Amino acid sequence: NTIFQNILSSYSKDDFSYRRPNRRFLPDFYLPSLYSESYGEVIFGFDTSGSMTDEQCASFIGHLHYVQTYIKPEKITIFAFDTKIRSTHVFEKGDDLRKLDFKGRGGTDLNDLFDKATELNPRLLVVYSDLDCYPITKPTPFPVVWLCADNKYATVEFGTLIHIDTTRR
């Protein structure tokens, strides 16, 4: 969770601003710090295939809630997918995440998700899956964070891979 939080925080800082001065140099110098008013759009790809457990789904909701509460993107788009995108959910700032309803439970194929994300060109794509599928090998023009649930042997060709153990409590 800490690694995921640090990665998300690193993408939230857009430009230098005097609005929040760099405290390391106060009171001698008034220098700008990296700051951003808003985060932009974040796309989540949520694997709803048959290999995903209820505990993994609950873990996904927890990560999603963290992003909405602390990162505060302008818009969160969630694509629930198995062999193709089965449902799309769009949340603006302050929308309630509890109205999520996921469909799926087939196999797993990431191609439809990556085609749709490439059309939208988000600030960040977060893929939550057990990665029990064929890998995506072509890098994207936007950053990708892979949250891999309970599959310590999974690898990816690009982006940042974070392994999550949802069995520990």
N, C-alpha and C. Protein backbone atom coordinates (compact mmCIF):
# COMPACT_ATOMS: atom_id res chain seq x y z
N ASN A 1 0.82 -1.21 0.00
CA ASN A 1 0.00 0.00 0.00
C ASN A 1 0.86 1.26 0.00
N THR A 2 1.93 1.25 0.76
CA THR A 2 2.81 2.41 0.81
C THR A 2 3.46 2.69 -0.54
N ILE A 3 3.90 1.64 -1.21
CA ILE A 3 4.50 1.80 -2.54
C ILE A 3 3.49 2.39 -3.50
N PHE A 4 2.27 1.88 -3.49
CA PHE A 4 1.21 2.40 -4.36
C PHE A 4 0.93 3.86 -4.06
N GLN A 5 0.86 4.22 -2.80
CA GLN A 5 0.60 5.60 -2.41
C GLN A 5 1.72 6.53 -2.87
N ASN A 6 2.98 6.09 -2.73
CA ASN A 6 4.11 6.92 -3.17
C ASN A 6 4.10 7.11 -4.68
N ILE A 7 3.78 6.07 -5.41
CA ILE A 7 3.73 6.19 -6.87
C ILE A 7 2.64 7.16 -7.29
N LEU A 8 1.45 7.03 -6.71
CA LEU A 8 0.37 7.94 -7.06
C LEU A 8 0.72 9.38 -6.71
N SER A 9 1.34 9.58 -5.58
CA SER A 9 1.72 10.93 -5.17
C SER A 9 2.73 11.54 -6.14
N SER A 10 3.62 10.72 -6.67
CA SER A 10 4.63 11.24 -7.59
C SER A 10 4.01 11.72 -8.90
N TYR A 11 2.89 11.12 -9.31
CA TYR A 11 2.24 11.57 -10.53
C TYR A 11 1.36 12.78 -10.32
N SER A 12 1.09 13.15 -9.08
CA SER A 12 0.17 14.25 -8.82
C SER A 12 0.83 15.62 -8.88
N LYS A 13 2.13 15.67 -8.91
CA LYS A 13 2.82 16.95 -8.89
C LYS A 13 3.17 17.37 -10.31
N ASP A 14 2.50 18.43 -10.78
CA ASP A 14 2.60 18.87 -12.16
C ASP A 14 3.73 19.86 -12.43
N ASP A 15 3.75 20.91 -11.66
CA ASP A 15 4.60 22.03 -12.01
C ASP A 15 5.04 22.74 -10.72
N PHE A 16 6.02 23.61 -10.87
CA PHE A 16 6.45 24.39 -9.72
C PHE A 16 5.47 25.52 -9.46
N SER A 17 5.23 25.78 -8.19
CA SER A 17 4.30 26.82 -7.80
C SER A 17 4.81 27.51 -6.53
N TYR A 18 4.57 28.81 -6.45
CA TYR A 18 4.90 29.55 -5.24
C TYR A 18 3.76 29.48 -4.22
N ARG A 19 2.69 28.85 -4.60
CA ARG A 19 1.53 28.75 -3.73
C ARG A 19 1.86 27.98 -2.46
N ARG A 20 2.66 26.94 -2.60
CA ARG A 20 3.15 26.18 -1.45
C ARG A 20 4.66 26.23 -1.48
N PRO A 21 5.26 27.14 -0.75
CA PRO A 21 6.72 27.27 -0.82
C PRO A 21 7.43 26.04 -0.27
N ASN A 22 8.63 25.85 -0.76
CA ASN A 22 9.46 24.74 -0.31
C ASN A 22 9.96 25.05 1.10
N ARG A 23 9.48 24.29 2.08
CA ARG A 23 9.77 24.59 3.48
C ARG A 23 11.22 24.31 3.88
N ARG A 24 11.95 23.57 3.07
CA ARG A 24 13.34 23.29 3.42
C ARG A 24 14.19 24.56 3.39
N PHE A 25 13.75 25.56 2.64
CA PHE A 25 14.56 26.77 2.48
C PHE A 25 14.01 27.98 3.22
N LEU A 26 12.87 27.82 3.90
CA LEU A 26 12.32 28.95 4.65
C LEU A 26 13.12 29.14 5.93
N PRO A 27 13.31 30.28 6.49
CA PRO A 27 12.86 31.59 6.06
C PRO A 27 13.88 32.32 5.18
N ASP A 28 15.01 31.68 4.85
CA ASP A 28 16.05 32.37 4.08
C ASP A 28 15.65 32.63 2.63
N PHE A 29 15.05 31.66 1.99
CA PHE A 29 14.68 31.78 0.59
C PHE A 29 13.23 31.40 0.40
N TYR A 30 12.60 32.04 -0.55
CA TYR A 30 11.22 31.73 -0.89
C TYR A 30 11.24 31.06 -2.26
N LEU A 31 11.36 29.71 -2.25
CA LEU A 31 11.46 28.95 -3.49
C LEU A 31 10.18 28.15 -3.73
N PRO A 32 9.86 27.91 -4.99
CA PRO A 32 8.64 27.14 -5.29
C PRO A 32 8.83 25.66 -5.01
N SER A 33 7.71 24.97 -4.91
CA SER A 33 7.73 23.51 -4.76
C SER A 33 6.83 22.91 -5.84
N LEU A 34 7.00 21.61 -6.06
CA LEU A 34 6.13 20.94 -7.02
C LEU A 34 4.73 20.85 -6.43
N TYR A 35 3.74 21.29 -7.21
CA TYR A 35 2.38 21.32 -6.71
C TYR A 35 1.42 21.27 -7.89
N SER A 36 0.27 20.70 -7.66
CA SER A 36 -0.75 20.61 -8.69
C SER A 36 -2.11 20.85 -8.06
N GLU A 37 -2.93 21.64 -8.70
CA GLU A 37 -4.28 21.90 -8.20
C GLU A 37 -5.16 20.67 -8.33
N SER A 38 -5.05 19.96 -9.44
CA SER A 38 -5.88 18.78 -9.64
C SER A 38 -5.07 17.68 -10.31
N TYR A 39 -5.58 16.49 -10.25
CA TYR A 39 -4.84 15.33 -10.70
C TYR A 39 -5.15 14.93 -12.13
N GLY A 40 -6.29 15.29 -12.65
CA GLY A 40 -6.66 14.84 -13.98
C GLY A 40 -7.46 13.55 -13.90
N GLU A 41 -7.44 12.77 -14.98
CA GLU A 41 -8.22 11.53 -15.03
C GLU A 41 -7.34 10.33 -14.74
N VAL A 42 -7.87 9.43 -13.92
CA VAL A 42 -7.23 8.15 -13.65
C VAL A 42 -8.17 7.06 -14.14
N ILE A 43 -7.62 6.12 -14.90
CA ILE A 43 -8.41 4.98 -15.35
C ILE A 43 -7.97 3.75 -14.57
N PHE A 44 -8.95 3.03 -14.05
CA PHE A 44 -8.71 1.76 -13.40
C PHE A 44 -9.24 0.65 -14.29
N GLY A 45 -8.42 -0.35 -14.53
CA GLY A 45 -8.88 -1.58 -15.16
C GLY A 45 -9.01 -2.62 -14.07
N PHE A 46 -10.21 -3.15 -13.89
CA PHE A 46 -10.47 -4.10 -12.82
C PHE A 46 -10.82 -5.45 -13.42
N ASP A 47 -9.97 -6.43 -13.15
CA ASP A 47 -10.14 -7.79 -13.64
C ASP A 47 -11.29 -8.47 -12.89
N THR A 48 -12.36 -8.79 -13.61
CA THR A 48 -13.50 -9.47 -12.99
C THR A 48 -13.61 -10.91 -13.48
N SER A 49 -12.48 -11.48 -13.87
CA SER A 49 -12.49 -12.85 -14.37
C SER A 49 -12.78 -13.85 -13.25
N GLY A 50 -12.98 -15.10 -13.63
CA GLY A 50 -13.32 -16.13 -12.67
C GLY A 50 -12.23 -16.42 -11.66
N SER A 51 -10.98 -16.06 -11.97
CA SER A 51 -9.88 -16.35 -11.05
C SER A 51 -9.76 -15.33 -9.92
N MET A 52 -10.51 -14.23 -9.98
CA MET A 52 -10.45 -13.20 -8.95
C MET A 52 -11.41 -13.56 -7.81
N THR A 53 -10.92 -13.50 -6.57
CA THR A 53 -11.72 -13.86 -5.40
C THR A 53 -12.44 -12.65 -4.82
N ASP A 54 -13.35 -12.90 -3.89
CA ASP A 54 -14.06 -11.82 -3.21
C ASP A 54 -13.09 -10.96 -2.40
N GLU A 55 -12.07 -11.57 -1.79
CA GLU A 55 -11.07 -10.81 -1.03
C GLU A 55 -10.29 -9.86 -1.94
N GLN A 56 -9.97 -10.32 -3.14
CA GLN A 56 -9.26 -9.47 -4.09
C GLN A 56 -10.14 -8.31 -4.54
N CYS A 57 -11.43 -8.58 -4.73
CA CYS A 57 -12.36 -7.51 -5.11
C CYS A 57 -12.46 -6.47 -4.00
N ALA A 58 -12.51 -6.91 -2.76
CA ALA A 58 -12.56 -5.99 -1.62
C ALA A 58 -11.29 -5.16 -1.54
N SER A 59 -10.15 -5.78 -1.82
CA SER A 59 -8.89 -5.05 -1.82
C SER A 59 -8.89 -3.96 -2.90
N PHE A 60 -9.45 -4.27 -4.06
CA PHE A 60 -9.55 -3.28 -5.14
C PHE A 60 -10.36 -2.08 -4.69
N ILE A 61 -11.49 -2.32 -4.05
CA ILE A 61 -12.34 -1.22 -3.57
C ILE A 61 -11.57 -0.36 -2.57
N GLY A 62 -10.76 -0.98 -1.73
CA GLY A 62 -9.94 -0.23 -0.78
C GLY A 62 -8.93 0.67 -1.48
N HIS A 63 -8.26 0.17 -2.51
CA HIS A 63 -7.30 0.99 -3.25
C HIS A 63 -8.01 2.12 -3.98
N LEU A 64 -9.17 1.83 -4.51
CA LEU A 64 -9.96 2.84 -5.21
C LEU A 64 -10.40 3.94 -4.26
N HIS A 65 -10.83 3.54 -3.07
CA HIS A 65 -11.24 4.52 -2.05
C HIS A 65 -10.07 5.42 -1.65
N TYR A 66 -8.87 4.83 -1.52
CA TYR A 66 -7.70 5.64 -1.19
C TYR A 66 -7.46 6.70 -2.26
N VAL A 67 -7.52 6.30 -3.52
CA VAL A 67 -7.28 7.24 -4.62
C VAL A 67 -8.31 8.36 -4.59
N GLN A 68 -9.57 8.00 -4.40
CA GLN A 68 -10.61 9.02 -4.40
C GLN A 68 -10.48 9.97 -3.21
N THR A 69 -10.10 9.44 -2.05
CA THR A 69 -10.04 10.25 -0.83
C THR A 69 -8.80 11.13 -0.76
N TYR A 70 -7.63 10.58 -1.11
CA TYR A 70 -6.39 11.31 -0.87
C TYR A 70 -5.77 11.91 -2.13
N ILE A 71 -5.90 11.28 -3.25
CA ILE A 71 -5.33 11.83 -4.49
C ILE A 71 -6.30 12.81 -5.13
N LYS A 72 -7.59 12.55 -5.02
CA LYS A 72 -8.66 13.42 -5.48
C LYS A 72 -8.55 13.77 -6.97
N PRO A 73 -8.57 12.77 -7.83
CA PRO A 73 -8.53 13.08 -9.26
C PRO A 73 -9.83 13.75 -9.70
N GLU A 74 -9.77 14.49 -10.81
CA GLU A 74 -10.96 15.12 -11.34
C GLU A 74 -11.99 14.08 -11.74
N LYS A 75 -11.48 12.95 -12.27
CA LYS A 75 -12.38 11.92 -12.76
C LYS A 75 -11.72 10.56 -12.60
N ILE A 76 -12.50 9.57 -12.16
CA ILE A 76 -12.06 8.19 -12.10
C ILE A 76 -12.95 7.38 -13.02
N THR A 77 -12.34 6.69 -13.97
CA THR A 77 -13.08 5.80 -14.85
C THR A 77 -12.64 4.38 -14.55
N ILE A 78 -13.61 3.50 -14.32
CA ILE A 78 -13.31 2.11 -14.02
C ILE A 78 -13.86 1.25 -15.15
N PHE A 79 -12.98 0.46 -15.74
CA PHE A 79 -13.40 -0.52 -16.73
C PHE A 79 -13.29 -1.90 -16.09
N ALA A 80 -14.43 -2.55 -15.89
CA ALA A 80 -14.44 -3.92 -15.39
C ALA A 80 -14.34 -4.83 -16.61
N PHE A 81 -13.36 -5.72 -16.60
CA PHE A 81 -13.11 -6.53 -17.79
C PHE A 81 -12.82 -7.97 -17.42
N ASP A 82 -13.08 -8.86 -18.34
CA ASP A 82 -12.57 -10.23 -18.29
C ASP A 82 -11.98 -10.49 -19.68
N THR A 83 -12.72 -11.08 -20.61
CA THR A 83 -12.19 -11.24 -21.98
C THR A 83 -12.39 -9.97 -22.78
N LYS A 84 -13.30 -9.09 -22.31
CA LYS A 84 -13.51 -7.76 -22.90
C LYS A 84 -14.08 -6.87 -21.80
N ILE A 85 -14.21 -5.60 -22.06
CA ILE A 85 -14.77 -4.67 -21.08
C ILE A 85 -16.26 -5.00 -20.92
N ARG A 86 -16.66 -5.29 -19.68
CA ARG A 86 -18.05 -5.67 -19.38
C ARG A 86 -18.88 -4.51 -18.84
N SER A 87 -18.25 -3.59 -18.14
CA SER A 87 -18.97 -2.43 -17.62
C SER A 87 -18.01 -1.27 -17.44
N THR A 88 -18.57 -0.07 -17.50
CA THR A 88 -17.80 1.16 -17.32
C THR A 88 -18.48 2.00 -16.25
N HIS A 89 -17.68 2.50 -15.32
CA HIS A 89 -18.19 3.35 -14.25
C HIS A 89 -17.35 4.63 -14.24
N VAL A 90 -18.02 5.78 -14.22
CA VAL A 90 -17.32 7.06 -14.20
C VAL A 90 -17.71 7.80 -12.93
N PHE A 91 -16.72 8.26 -12.18
CA PHE A 91 -16.94 8.98 -10.94
C PHE A 91 -16.25 10.33 -11.01
N GLU A 92 -16.98 11.37 -10.67
CA GLU A 92 -16.43 12.71 -10.53
C GLU A 92 -16.04 12.89 -9.06
N LYS A 93 -15.39 14.00 -8.74
CA LYS A 93 -15.03 14.27 -7.35
C LYS A 93 -16.27 14.20 -6.46
N GLY A 94 -16.15 13.44 -5.36
CA GLY A 94 -17.22 13.39 -4.37
C GLY A 94 -18.30 12.34 -4.63
N ASP A 95 -18.28 11.66 -5.78
CA ASP A 95 -19.27 10.62 -6.05
C ASP A 95 -19.07 9.43 -5.12
N ASP A 96 -20.14 8.71 -4.86
CA ASP A 96 -20.12 7.58 -3.94
C ASP A 96 -19.70 6.31 -4.68
N LEU A 97 -18.63 5.67 -4.20
CA LEU A 97 -18.12 4.45 -4.83
C LEU A 97 -18.96 3.22 -4.51
N ARG A 98 -19.87 3.31 -3.57
CA ARG A 98 -20.62 2.13 -3.14
C ARG A 98 -21.63 1.66 -4.18
N LYS A 99 -21.86 2.43 -5.22
CA LYS A 99 -22.84 2.02 -6.22
C LYS A 99 -22.21 1.16 -7.33
N LEU A 100 -21.01 0.67 -7.10
CA LEU A 100 -20.35 -0.17 -8.09
C LEU A 100 -21.03 -1.52 -8.24
N ASP A 101 -21.16 -1.95 -9.49
CA ASP A 101 -21.72 -3.26 -9.79
C ASP A 101 -20.87 -3.86 -10.90
N PHE A 102 -20.22 -4.96 -10.61
CA PHE A 102 -19.30 -5.56 -11.58
C PHE A 102 -19.90 -6.80 -12.22
N LYS A 103 -19.64 -6.95 -13.51
CA LYS A 103 -20.06 -8.13 -14.26
C LYS A 103 -18.82 -8.80 -14.84
N GLY A 104 -18.96 -10.07 -15.12
CA GLY A 104 -17.83 -10.76 -15.73
C GLY A 104 -17.78 -12.21 -15.29
N ARG A 105 -16.63 -12.69 -14.95
CA ARG A 105 -16.32 -14.03 -14.49
C ARG A 105 -15.98 -14.98 -15.63
N GLY A 106 -15.46 -14.44 -16.72
CA GLY A 106 -14.95 -15.27 -17.80
C GLY A 106 -13.45 -15.43 -17.66
N GLY A 107 -12.74 -15.51 -18.78
CA GLY A 107 -11.28 -15.57 -18.79
C GLY A 107 -10.71 -14.18 -18.62
N THR A 108 -9.44 -14.00 -18.96
CA THR A 108 -8.81 -12.68 -18.84
C THR A 108 -8.08 -12.33 -20.12
N ASP A 109 -8.37 -11.13 -20.66
CA ASP A 109 -7.68 -10.61 -21.83
C ASP A 109 -7.55 -9.10 -21.64
N LEU A 110 -6.34 -8.59 -21.67
CA LEU A 110 -6.08 -7.17 -21.42
C LEU A 110 -6.18 -6.29 -22.65
N ASN A 111 -6.27 -6.86 -23.84
CA ASN A 111 -6.22 -6.07 -25.08
C ASN A 111 -7.33 -5.04 -25.20
N ASP A 112 -8.57 -5.41 -24.90
CA ASP A 112 -9.68 -4.46 -24.99
C ASP A 112 -9.49 -3.29 -24.03
N LEU A 113 -9.04 -3.59 -22.83
CA LEU A 113 -8.78 -2.54 -21.85
C LEU A 113 -7.73 -1.55 -22.36
N PHE A 114 -6.63 -2.06 -22.88
CA PHE A 114 -5.55 -1.18 -23.33
C PHE A 114 -5.94 -0.40 -24.59
N ASP A 115 -6.75 -0.98 -25.46
CA ASP A 115 -7.24 -0.24 -26.63
C ASP A 115 -8.10 0.93 -26.19
N LYS A 116 -9.01 0.70 -25.23
CA LYS A 116 -9.89 1.77 -24.75
C LYS A 116 -9.10 2.84 -24.00
N ALA A 117 -8.15 2.43 -23.19
CA ALA A 117 -7.34 3.40 -22.44
C ALA A 117 -6.51 4.25 -23.40
N THR A 118 -5.98 3.65 -24.45
CA THR A 118 -5.18 4.40 -25.42
C THR A 118 -6.03 5.46 -26.12
N GLU A 119 -7.31 5.15 -26.39
CA GLU A 119 -8.22 6.15 -26.97
C GLU A 119 -8.38 7.35 -26.04
N LEU A 120 -8.50 7.10 -24.74
CA LEU A 120 -8.75 8.16 -23.77
C LEU A 120 -7.48 8.89 -23.33
N ASN A 121 -6.32 8.25 -23.46
CA ASN A 121 -5.03 8.83 -23.08
C ASN A 121 -5.07 9.48 -21.69
N PRO A 122 -5.24 8.67 -20.64
CA PRO A 122 -5.38 9.21 -19.28
C PRO A 122 -4.05 9.68 -18.72
N ARG A 123 -4.13 10.32 -17.59
CA ARG A 123 -2.92 10.70 -16.87
C ARG A 123 -2.22 9.47 -16.31
N LEU A 124 -3.02 8.45 -15.94
CA LEU A 124 -2.48 7.23 -15.35
C LEU A 124 -3.48 6.10 -15.55
N LEU A 125 -2.97 4.90 -15.84
CA LEU A 125 -3.79 3.69 -15.90
C LEU A 125 -3.32 2.77 -14.78
N VAL A 126 -4.27 2.33 -13.95
CA VAL A 126 -3.98 1.37 -12.89
C VAL A 126 -4.72 0.09 -13.24
N VAL A 127 -3.98 -1.00 -13.41
CA VAL A 127 -4.58 -2.29 -13.74
C VAL A 127 -4.52 -3.16 -12.50
N TYR A 128 -5.71 -3.58 -12.03
CA TYR A 128 -5.80 -4.45 -10.86
C TYR A 128 -6.21 -5.83 -11.34
N SER A 129 -5.31 -6.79 -11.22
CA SER A 129 -5.55 -8.12 -11.76
C SER A 129 -4.65 -9.13 -11.08
N ASP A 130 -4.94 -10.41 -11.27
CA ASP A 130 -4.01 -11.45 -10.84
C ASP A 130 -3.01 -11.76 -11.97
N LEU A 131 -3.16 -11.10 -13.10
CA LEU A 131 -2.28 -11.23 -14.27
C LEU A 131 -2.13 -12.68 -14.73
N ASP A 132 -3.20 -13.43 -14.60
CA ASP A 132 -3.24 -14.80 -15.11
C ASP A 132 -3.76 -14.74 -16.55
N CYS A 133 -2.91 -14.21 -17.45
CA CYS A 133 -3.31 -13.98 -18.83
C CYS A 133 -2.05 -13.74 -19.68
N TYR A 134 -2.27 -13.57 -20.98
CA TYR A 134 -1.16 -13.21 -21.86
C TYR A 134 -0.77 -11.75 -21.59
N PRO A 135 0.52 -11.45 -21.56
CA PRO A 135 0.95 -10.08 -21.23
C PRO A 135 0.74 -9.10 -22.38
N ILE A 136 0.65 -7.85 -22.02
CA ILE A 136 0.67 -6.75 -22.99
C ILE A 136 2.14 -6.39 -23.17
N THR A 137 2.61 -6.36 -24.39
CA THR A 137 4.04 -6.12 -24.62
C THR A 137 4.34 -4.74 -25.19
N LYS A 138 3.34 -4.08 -25.77
CA LYS A 138 3.58 -2.77 -26.38
C LYS A 138 3.38 -1.66 -25.33
N PRO A 139 4.43 -0.90 -25.02
CA PRO A 139 4.30 0.18 -24.03
C PRO A 139 3.27 1.23 -24.47
N THR A 140 2.71 1.91 -23.49
CA THR A 140 1.70 2.94 -23.73
C THR A 140 2.31 4.33 -23.62
N PRO A 141 1.64 5.35 -24.18
CA PRO A 141 2.14 6.72 -24.04
C PRO A 141 1.87 7.33 -22.67
N PHE A 142 1.16 6.61 -21.81
CA PHE A 142 0.84 7.07 -20.46
C PHE A 142 1.39 6.06 -19.46
N PRO A 143 1.63 6.48 -18.22
CA PRO A 143 2.16 5.55 -17.22
C PRO A 143 1.13 4.50 -16.82
N VAL A 144 1.63 3.30 -16.53
CA VAL A 144 0.77 2.20 -16.10
C VAL A 144 1.31 1.65 -14.78
N VAL A 145 0.42 1.48 -13.82
CA VAL A 145 0.74 0.83 -12.56
C VAL A 145 -0.06 -0.47 -12.53
N TRP A 146 0.65 -1.56 -12.33
CA TRP A 146 0.03 -2.88 -12.26
C TRP A 146 -0.07 -3.29 -10.80
N LEU A 147 -1.28 -3.50 -10.29
CA LEU A 147 -1.48 -4.03 -8.95
C LEU A 147 -1.82 -5.50 -9.13
N CYS A 148 -0.87 -6.36 -8.85
CA CYS A 148 -1.02 -7.79 -9.08
C CYS A 148 -1.41 -8.49 -7.79
N ALA A 149 -2.61 -9.04 -7.78
CA ALA A 149 -3.15 -9.66 -6.58
C ALA A 149 -2.79 -11.14 -6.51
N ASP A 150 -2.04 -11.49 -5.48
CA ASP A 150 -1.79 -12.89 -5.11
C ASP A 150 -1.15 -13.74 -6.20
N ASN A 151 -0.27 -13.17 -6.99
CA ASN A 151 0.46 -13.92 -8.01
C ASN A 151 1.91 -13.42 -8.01
N LYS A 152 2.71 -13.95 -7.11
CA LYS A 152 4.08 -13.45 -6.93
C LYS A 152 4.99 -13.75 -8.11
N TYR A 153 4.55 -14.62 -9.03
CA TYR A 153 5.39 -14.96 -10.19
C TYR A 153 5.07 -14.13 -11.43
N ALA A 154 4.06 -13.28 -11.36
CA ALA A 154 3.68 -12.47 -12.52
C ALA A 154 4.74 -11.42 -12.83
N THR A 155 4.93 -11.16 -14.12
CA THR A 155 5.84 -10.11 -14.58
C THR A 155 5.12 -9.28 -15.63
N VAL A 156 5.62 -8.08 -15.87
CA VAL A 156 5.08 -7.20 -16.91
C VAL A 156 6.22 -6.68 -17.76
N GLU A 157 5.89 -6.26 -18.98
CA GLU A 157 6.90 -5.77 -19.92
C GLU A 157 7.23 -4.29 -19.71
N PHE A 158 6.31 -3.53 -19.13
CA PHE A 158 6.50 -2.09 -18.94
C PHE A 158 5.66 -1.64 -17.76
N GLY A 159 5.88 -0.44 -17.30
CA GLY A 159 5.13 0.11 -16.18
C GLY A 159 5.71 -0.32 -14.84
N THR A 160 5.00 -0.02 -13.78
CA THR A 160 5.42 -0.34 -12.43
C THR A 160 4.54 -1.46 -11.89
N LEU A 161 5.16 -2.55 -11.49
CA LEU A 161 4.44 -3.71 -10.97
C LEU A 161 4.53 -3.73 -9.45
N ILE A 162 3.37 -3.83 -8.80
CA ILE A 162 3.30 -3.93 -7.35
C ILE A 162 2.53 -5.21 -7.02
N HIS A 163 3.17 -6.10 -6.28
CA HIS A 163 2.52 -7.34 -5.87
C HIS A 163 1.76 -7.10 -4.56
N ILE A 164 0.52 -7.56 -4.53
CA ILE A 164 -0.34 -7.38 -3.37
C ILE A 164 -0.76 -8.75 -2.85
N ASP A 165 -0.61 -8.96 -1.55
CA ASP A 165 -1.04 -10.19 -0.93
C ASP A 165 -2.34 -9.91 -0.21
N THR A 166 -3.46 -10.33 -0.79
CA THR A 166 -4.76 -10.06 -0.18
C THR A 166 -5.13 -11.12 0.84
N THR A 167 -4.31 -12.17 1.00
CA THR A 167 -4.61 -13.22 1.95
C THR A 167 -4.17 -12.88 3.36
N ARG A 168 -3.26 -11.88 3.50
CA ARG A 168 -2.80 -11.45 4.83
C ARG A 168 -3.78 -10.45 5.40
N ARG A 169 -4.07 -10.59 6.64
CA ARG A 169 -4.95 -9.64 7.33
C ARG A 169 -4.35 -9.26 8.63
